[in-house]
C-alpha atoms as a PDB file:
ATOM      1  CA  MET A   1     -52.518 -87.224 -72.748  1.00  0.00           C
ATOM      2  CA  ASN A   2     -51.904 -83.509 -72.352  1.00  0.00           C
ATOM      3  CA  ALA A   3     -48.732 -83.115 -74.345  1.00  0.00           C
ATOM      4  CA  HIS A   4     -46.601 -85.168 -76.636  1.00  0.00           C
ATOM      5  CA  LYS A   5     -43.245 -84.153 -77.970  1.00  0.00           C
ATOM      6  CA  LEU A   6     -42.700 -85.318 -81.513  1.00  0.00           C
ATOM      7  CA  ASN A   7     -39.192 -83.887 -81.547  1.00  0.00           C
ATOM      8  CA  LEU A   8     -36.932 -83.745 -78.514  1.00  0.00           C
ATOM      9  CA  MET A   9     -34.779 -80.844 -79.705  1.00  0.00           C
ATOM     10  CA  PRO A  10     -35.060 -78.149 -77.025  1.00  0.00           C
ATOM     11  CA  LEU A  11     -35.978 -74.633 -78.068  1.00  0.00           C
ATOM     12  CA  LYS A  12     -34.892 -71.864 -75.740  1.00  0.00           C
ATOM     13  CA  ILE A  13     -37.603 -69.235 -76.116  1.00  0.00           C
ATOM     14  CA  ASP A  14     -36.775 -65.594 -75.455  1.00  0.00           C
ATOM     15  CA  LYS A  15     -37.810 -62.167 -76.728  1.00  0.00           C
ATOM     16  CA  SER A  16     -36.033 -62.756 -80.045  1.00  0.00           C
ATOM     17  CA  TRP A  17     -38.700 -65.366 -80.900  1.00  0.00           C
ATOM     18  CA  THR A  18     -42.048 -64.804 -82.624  1.00  0.00           C
ATOM     19  CA  LEU A  19     -45.188 -66.840 -82.026  1.00  0.00           C
ATOM     20  CA  PHE A  20     -47.622 -67.151 -84.929  1.00  0.00           C
ATOM     21  CA  LEU A  21     -51.098 -68.318 -83.936  1.00  0.00           C
ATOM     22  CA  ASP A  22     -53.962 -69.640 -85.992  1.00  0.00           C
ATOM     23  CA  ARG A  23     -57.284 -68.314 -84.706  1.00  0.00           C
ATOM     24  CA  ASP A  24     -60.303 -70.623 -85.076  1.00  0.00           C
ATOM     25  CA  GLY A  25     -59.880 -73.863 -83.147  1.00  0.00           C
ATOM     26  CA  VAL A  26     -56.780 -72.586 -81.346  1.00  0.00           C
ATOM     27  CA  ILE A  27     -57.823 -69.327 -79.680  1.00  0.00           C
ATOM     28  CA  ASN A  28     -61.588 -69.392 -80.146  1.00  0.00           C
ATOM     29  CA  GLU A  29     -64.145 -72.131 -80.651  1.00  0.00           C
ATOM     30  CA  ARG A  30     -64.917 -73.136 -84.210  1.00  0.00           C
ATOM     31  CA  LEU A  31     -68.484 -72.916 -85.444  1.00  0.00           C
ATOM     32  CA  PRO A  32     -69.010 -76.221 -87.282  1.00  0.00           C
ATOM     33  CA  GLY A  33     -70.077 -75.509 -90.851  1.00  0.00           C
ATOM     34  CA  ASP A  34     -70.102 -71.755 -90.238  1.00  0.00           C
ATOM     35  CA  TYR A  35     -67.893 -68.733 -89.612  1.00  0.00           C
ATOM     36  CA  VAL A  36     -67.526 -66.437 -86.613  1.00  0.00           C
ATOM     37  CA  LYS A  37     -69.284 -63.383 -87.994  1.00  0.00           C
ATOM     38  CA  THR A  38     -70.177 -61.352 -84.883  1.00  0.00           C
ATOM     39  CA  PRO A  39     -68.472 -60.510 -81.593  1.00  0.00           C
ATOM     40  CA  GLU A  40     -71.162 -62.540 -79.789  1.00  0.00           C
ATOM     41  CA  GLN A  41     -70.143 -65.660 -81.720  1.00  0.00           C
ATOM     42  CA  PHE A  42     -66.492 -65.283 -80.711  1.00  0.00           C
ATOM     43  CA  ARG A  43     -65.941 -67.552 -77.709  1.00  0.00           C
ATOM     44  CA  PHE A  44     -62.482 -68.165 -76.301  1.00  0.00           C
ATOM     45  CA  ILE A  45     -61.436 -71.780 -75.850  1.00  0.00           C
ATOM     46  CA  LYS A  46     -60.918 -72.493 -72.157  1.00  0.00           C
ATOM     47  CA  GLY A  47     -57.433 -71.376 -71.126  1.00  0.00           C
ATOM     48  CA  SER A  48     -56.563 -69.604 -74.368  1.00  0.00           C
ATOM     49  CA  LEU A  49     -56.663 -66.103 -72.869  1.00  0.00           C
ATOM     50  CA  GLU A  50     -54.337 -67.205 -70.080  1.00  0.00           C
ATOM     51  CA  ALA A  51     -52.115 -68.911 -72.644  1.00  0.00           C
ATOM     52  CA  ILE A  52     -51.716 -65.717 -74.671  1.00  0.00           C
ATOM     53  CA  ALA A  53     -50.874 -63.794 -71.495  1.00  0.00           C
ATOM     54  CA  ILE A  54     -48.191 -66.352 -70.628  1.00  0.00           C
ATOM     55  CA  CYS A  55     -46.747 -66.336 -74.137  1.00  0.00           C
ATOM     56  CA  SER A  56     -46.730 -62.523 -74.216  1.00  0.00           C
ATOM     57  CA  LYS A  57     -44.164 -62.565 -71.408  1.00  0.00           C
ATOM     58  CA  LEU A  58     -41.922 -65.043 -73.248  1.00  0.00           C
ATOM     59  CA  PHE A  59     -42.044 -64.101 -76.942  1.00  0.00           C
ATOM     60  CA  GLY A  60     -41.028 -60.817 -78.528  1.00  0.00           C
ATOM     61  CA  ARG A  61     -44.066 -60.787 -80.799  1.00  0.00           C
ATOM     62  CA  ILE A  62     -47.355 -62.654 -81.153  1.00  0.00           C
ATOM     63  CA  ILE A  63     -48.924 -62.600 -84.604  1.00  0.00           C
ATOM     64  CA  VAL A  64     -52.305 -64.084 -85.578  1.00  0.00           C
ATOM     65  CA  VAL A  65     -52.609 -65.508 -89.110  1.00  0.00           C
ATOM     66  CA  SER A  66     -56.099 -66.577 -90.114  1.00  0.00           C
ATOM     67  CA  ASN A  67     -57.817 -67.736 -93.306  1.00  0.00           C
ATOM     68  CA  GLN A  68     -61.221 -66.011 -93.404  1.00  0.00           C
ATOM     69  CA  GLN A  69     -62.914 -67.125 -96.597  1.00  0.00           C
ATOM     70  CA  GLY A  70     -66.290 -66.215 -95.116  1.00  0.00           C
ATOM     71  CA  ILE A  71     -65.497 -62.761 -96.520  1.00  0.00           C
ATOM     72  CA  GLY A  72     -64.762 -64.197 -99.957  1.00  0.00           C
ATOM     73  CA  LYS A  73     -68.048 -66.087 -99.827  1.00  0.00           C
ATOM     74  CA  GLY A  74     -69.945 -62.882 -99.056  1.00  0.00           C
ATOM     75  CA  LEU A  75     -71.084 -64.137 -95.640  1.00  0.00           C
ATOM     76  CA  MET A  76     -69.390 -61.315 -93.749  1.00  0.00           C
ATOM     77  CA  THR A  77     -67.607 -58.038 -94.444  1.00  0.00           C
ATOM     78  CA  PHE A  78     -64.210 -56.697 -93.473  1.00  0.00           C
ATOM     79  CA  ASP A  79     -65.961 -54.261 -91.123  1.00  0.00           C
ATOM     80  CA  GLU A  80     -67.831 -57.097 -89.395  1.00  0.00           C
ATOM     81  CA  LEU A  81     -64.604 -59.042 -88.966  1.00  0.00           C
ATOM     82  CA  GLU A  82     -62.993 -55.901 -87.551  1.00  0.00           C
ATOM     83  CA  LEU A  83     -65.668 -55.815 -84.822  1.00  0.00           C
ATOM     84  CA  VAL A  84     -64.926 -59.454 -83.962  1.00  0.00           C
ATOM     85  CA  HIS A  85     -61.229 -58.709 -83.718  1.00  0.00           C
ATOM     86  CA  HIS A  86     -61.841 -55.580 -81.646  1.00  0.00           C
ATOM     87  CA  LYS A  87     -63.535 -57.755 -79.014  1.00  0.00           C
ATOM     88  CA  PHE A  88     -60.769 -60.341 -79.316  1.00  0.00           C
ATOM     89  CA  ILE A  89     -57.936 -57.838 -78.777  1.00  0.00           C
ATOM     90  CA  ASP A  90     -59.799 -56.068 -75.972  1.00  0.00           C
ATOM     91  CA  GLU A  91     -60.231 -59.314 -74.029  1.00  0.00           C
ATOM     92  CA  VAL A  92     -56.600 -60.305 -74.614  1.00  0.00           C
ATOM     93  CA  ASN A  93     -55.393 -56.933 -73.304  1.00  0.00           C
ATOM     94  CA  LYS A  94     -57.646 -57.166 -70.229  1.00  0.00           C
ATOM     95  CA  ALA A  95     -56.179 -60.598 -69.467  1.00  0.00           C
ATOM     96  CA  GLY A  96     -52.617 -59.228 -69.592  1.00  0.00           C
ATOM     97  CA  GLY A  97     -51.709 -60.481 -73.057  1.00  0.00           C
ATOM     98  CA  CYS A  98     -50.690 -58.775 -76.264  1.00  0.00           C
ATOM     99  CA  ILE A  99     -51.367 -59.516 -79.923  1.00  0.00           C
ATOM    100  CA  ASP A 100     -49.018 -57.452 -82.051  1.00  0.00           C
ATOM    101  CA  LYS A 101     -50.978 -57.820 -85.290  1.00  0.00           C
ATOM    102  CA  ILE A 102     -53.668 -59.898 -86.970  1.00  0.00           C
ATOM    103  CA  TYR A 103     -53.312 -60.872 -90.622  1.00  0.00           C
ATOM    104  CA  ILE A 104     -56.220 -62.388 -92.511  1.00  0.00           C
ATOM    105  CA  SER A 105     -56.680 -63.898 -95.938  1.00  0.00           C
ATOM    106  CA  PRO A 106     -60.242 -63.335 -97.199  1.00  0.00           C
ATOM    107  CA  TYR A 107     -59.812 -65.409-100.345  1.00  0.00           C
ATOM    108  CA  LEU A 108     -61.589 -68.620-101.266  1.00  0.00           C
ATOM    109  CA  GLU A 109     -59.687 -71.880-101.028  1.00  0.00           C
ATOM    110  CA  SER A 110     -60.287 -72.383-104.760  1.00  0.00           C
ATOM    111  CA  GLN A 111     -58.437 -69.143-105.536  1.00  0.00           C
ATOM    112  CA  HIS A 112     -55.106 -70.475-104.195  1.00  0.00           C
ATOM    113  CA  HIS A 113     -54.153 -66.919-103.221  1.00  0.00           C
ATOM    114  CA  PHE A 114     -50.594 -66.301-102.042  1.00  0.00           C
ATOM    115  CA  THR A 115     -51.821 -65.019 -98.676  1.00  0.00           C
ATOM    116  CA  ARG A 116     -54.010 -68.024 -97.902  1.00  0.00           C
ATOM    117  CA  LYS A 117     -52.429 -70.728 -95.757  1.00  0.00           C
ATOM    118  CA  PRO A 118     -50.700 -73.039 -96.523  1.00  0.00           C
ATOM    119  CA  SER A 119     -49.097 -70.385 -98.765  1.00  0.00           C
ATOM    120  CA  VAL A 120     -46.735 -68.118 -96.844  1.00  0.00           C
ATOM    121  CA  GLY A 121     -48.007 -64.667 -97.807  1.00  0.00           C
ATOM    122  CA  MET A 122     -49.179 -63.696 -94.320  1.00  0.00           C
ATOM    123  CA  ALA A 123     -45.780 -64.640 -92.862  1.00  0.00           C
ATOM    124  CA  LEU A 124     -44.041 -62.428 -95.420  1.00  0.00           C
ATOM    125  CA  MET A 125     -46.443 -59.575 -94.636  1.00  0.00           C
ATOM    126  CA  ALA A 126     -45.499 -59.920 -90.962  1.00  0.00           C
ATOM    127  CA  LYS A 127     -41.792 -59.896 -91.833  1.00  0.00           C
ATOM    128  CA  ARG A 128     -42.346 -56.717 -93.856  1.00  0.00           C
ATOM    129  CA  ASP A 129     -44.051 -55.041 -90.887  1.00  0.00           C
ATOM    130  CA  PHE A 130     -41.710 -56.453 -88.222  1.00  0.00           C
ATOM    131  CA  ASN A 131     -38.284 -56.578 -89.830  1.00  0.00           C
ATOM    132  CA  GLU A 132     -36.720 -58.192 -86.760  1.00  0.00           C
ATOM    133  CA  ILE A 133     -38.690 -61.431 -87.272  1.00  0.00           C
ATOM    134  CA  SER A 134     -36.509 -64.432 -88.008  1.00  0.00           C
ATOM    135  CA  PHE A 135     -38.442 -67.446 -89.233  1.00  0.00           C
ATOM    136  CA  ARG A 136     -35.739 -69.685 -87.766  1.00  0.00           C
ATOM    137  CA  LYS A 137     -36.819 -68.246 -84.416  1.00  0.00           C
ATOM    138  CA  ALA A 138     -40.546 -68.535 -85.000  1.00  0.00           C
ATOM    139  CA  ILE A 139     -43.256 -71.024 -84.074  1.00  0.00           C
ATOM    140  CA  ILE A 140     -46.663 -71.542 -85.651  1.00  0.00           C
ATOM    141  CA  ALA A 141     -49.337 -73.053 -83.404  1.00  0.00           C
ATOM    142  CA  GLY A 142     -52.352 -74.288 -85.328  1.00  0.00           C
ATOM    143  CA  ASP A 143     -54.929 -77.028 -85.574  1.00  0.00           C
ATOM    144  CA  SER A 144     -54.724 -77.964 -89.246  1.00  0.00           C
ATOM    145  CA  ASN A 145     -52.332 -79.404 -91.784  1.00  0.00           C
ATOM    146  CA  SER A 146     -52.402 -76.102 -93.656  1.00  0.00           C
ATOM    147  CA  ASP A 147     -50.991 -74.360 -90.562  1.00  0.00           C
ATOM    148  CA  MET A 148     -48.229 -76.937 -90.285  1.00  0.00           C
ATOM    149  CA  LEU A 149     -47.351 -76.733 -93.981  1.00  0.00           C
ATOM    150  CA  PHE A 150     -47.385 -72.924 -93.772  1.00  0.00           C
ATOM    151  CA  GLY A 151     -44.802 -73.108 -90.999  1.00  0.00           C
ATOM    152  CA  LYS A 152     -42.603 -75.731 -92.654  1.00  0.00           C
ATOM    153  CA  ARG A 153     -42.541 -73.899 -95.983  1.00  0.00           C
ATOM    154  CA  ILE A 154     -40.964 -70.830 -94.399  1.00  0.00           C
ATOM    155  CA  GLY A 155     -38.729 -72.525 -91.833  1.00  0.00           C
ATOM    156  CA  MET A 156     -40.719 -72.201 -88.589  1.00  0.00           C
ATOM    157  CA  LYS A 157     -41.110 -74.784 -85.862  1.00  0.00           C
ATOM    158  CA  THR A 158     -44.616 -76.236 -85.886  1.00  0.00           C
ATOM    159  CA  VAL A 159     -46.877 -76.933 -82.916  1.00  0.00           C
ATOM    160  CA  TYR A 160     -50.028 -78.899 -83.619  1.00  0.00           C
ATOM    161  CA  ILE A 161     -52.910 -78.073 -81.283  1.00  0.00           C
ATOM    162  CA  GLY A 162     -55.173 -81.093 -80.963  1.00  0.00           C
ATOM    163  CA  SER A 163     -55.177 -84.818 -80.393  1.00  0.00           C
ATOM    164  CA  HIS A 164     -51.999 -86.790 -80.985  1.00  0.00           C
ATOM    165  CA  GLU A 165     -54.126 -89.274 -82.930  1.00  0.00           C
ATOM    166  CA  GLU A 166     -54.816 -86.566 -85.499  1.00  0.00           C
ATOM    167  CA  THR A 167     -51.096 -86.230 -86.269  1.00  0.00           C
ATOM    168  CA  ARG A 168     -50.544 -89.760 -87.578  1.00  0.00           C
ATOM    169  CA  HIS A 169     -50.792 -88.893 -91.271  1.00  0.00           C
ATOM    170  CA  SER A 170     -48.825 -85.646 -91.122  1.00  0.00           C
ATOM    171  CA  PHE A 171     -46.170 -86.325 -88.488  1.00  0.00           C
ATOM    172  CA  HIS A 172     -43.478 -85.126 -90.915  1.00  0.00           C
ATOM    173  CA  LEU A 173     -44.946 -81.603 -90.737  1.00  0.00           C
ATOM    174  CA  ILE A 174     -45.285 -81.457 -86.943  1.00  0.00           C
ATOM    175  CA  ASP A 175     -42.485 -80.769 -84.465  1.00  0.00           C
ATOM    176  CA  PHE A 176     -44.611 -80.717 -81.304  1.00  0.00           C
ATOM    177  CA  CYS A 177     -48.170 -81.604 -80.351  1.00  0.00           C
ATOM    178  CA  TYR A 178     -50.211 -80.259 -77.436  1.00  0.00           C
ATOM    179  CA  SER A 179     -53.858 -80.791 -76.613  1.00  0.00           C
ATOM    180  CA  ASP A 180     -54.571 -77.049 -76.342  1.00  0.00           C
ATOM    181  CA  LEU A 181     -52.898 -73.657 -76.319  1.00  0.00           C
ATOM    182  CA  PHE A 182     -52.844 -73.464 -72.531  1.00  0.00           C
ATOM    183  CA  THR A 183     -50.957 -76.766 -72.188  1.00  0.00           C
ATOM    184  CA  PHE A 184     -48.446 -75.521 -74.752  1.00  0.00           C
ATOM    185  CA  ALA A 185     -47.962 -72.218 -72.891  1.00  0.00           C
ATOM    186  CA  VAL A 186     -47.542 -73.911 -69.512  1.00  0.00           C
ATOM    187  CA  SER A 187     -44.909 -76.211 -70.996  1.00  0.00           C
ATOM    188  CA  LEU A 188     -42.882 -73.117 -71.861  1.00  0.00           C
ATOM    189  CA  THR A 189     -43.062 -71.735 -68.322  1.00  0.00           C
ATOM    190  CA  THR A 190     -41.677 -74.876 -66.701  1.00  0.00           C
ATOM    191  CA  THR A 191     -38.424 -74.979 -68.656  1.00  0.00           C
ATOM    192  CA  HIS A 192     -38.555 -71.997 -71.053  1.00  0.00           C
ATOM    193  CA  CYS A 193     -38.190 -74.541 -73.802  1.00  0.00           C
ATOM    194  CA  LEU A 194     -40.423 -77.038 -75.564  1.00  0.00           C
END
């Protein structure tokens, strides 16, 4: 199953919409039990570069929001993460896509910091920087319950990236489910709506 709509309400996507993307597990491969600490460890999931290029033509803005507690744990520095993101943005640009900004929360889960998903701090930071953002015209695509709760708490539509089986216990948080970012992006090109 490539895609499953959990809500049949059509969304007409245009340049007034903003796409928020989680990073690990959505754009790049997760490192089980570890963090992406170097550019060499950053590997795009198949189709994700193409997906961002597609979405860049449809949405007004694409914002990445990523919990990065590897910094809080002392396993990497802000400068090291900056090198990872430099490679990330460079590859996205070469593929014809655009990421308008990346927001990260370096805090530990135990700190319950306002910027760490599922709290909405990174969304509010984006709204501060891009005043035209309307959360009613925003989508979060992520692969965890914290991404979905982040979106619901601030009024976004939520797209779960992963297996439909994984959505059984949190279906109330999820508006749409797609197996990967590329399948989600292609679905937008066929009808310009989910």
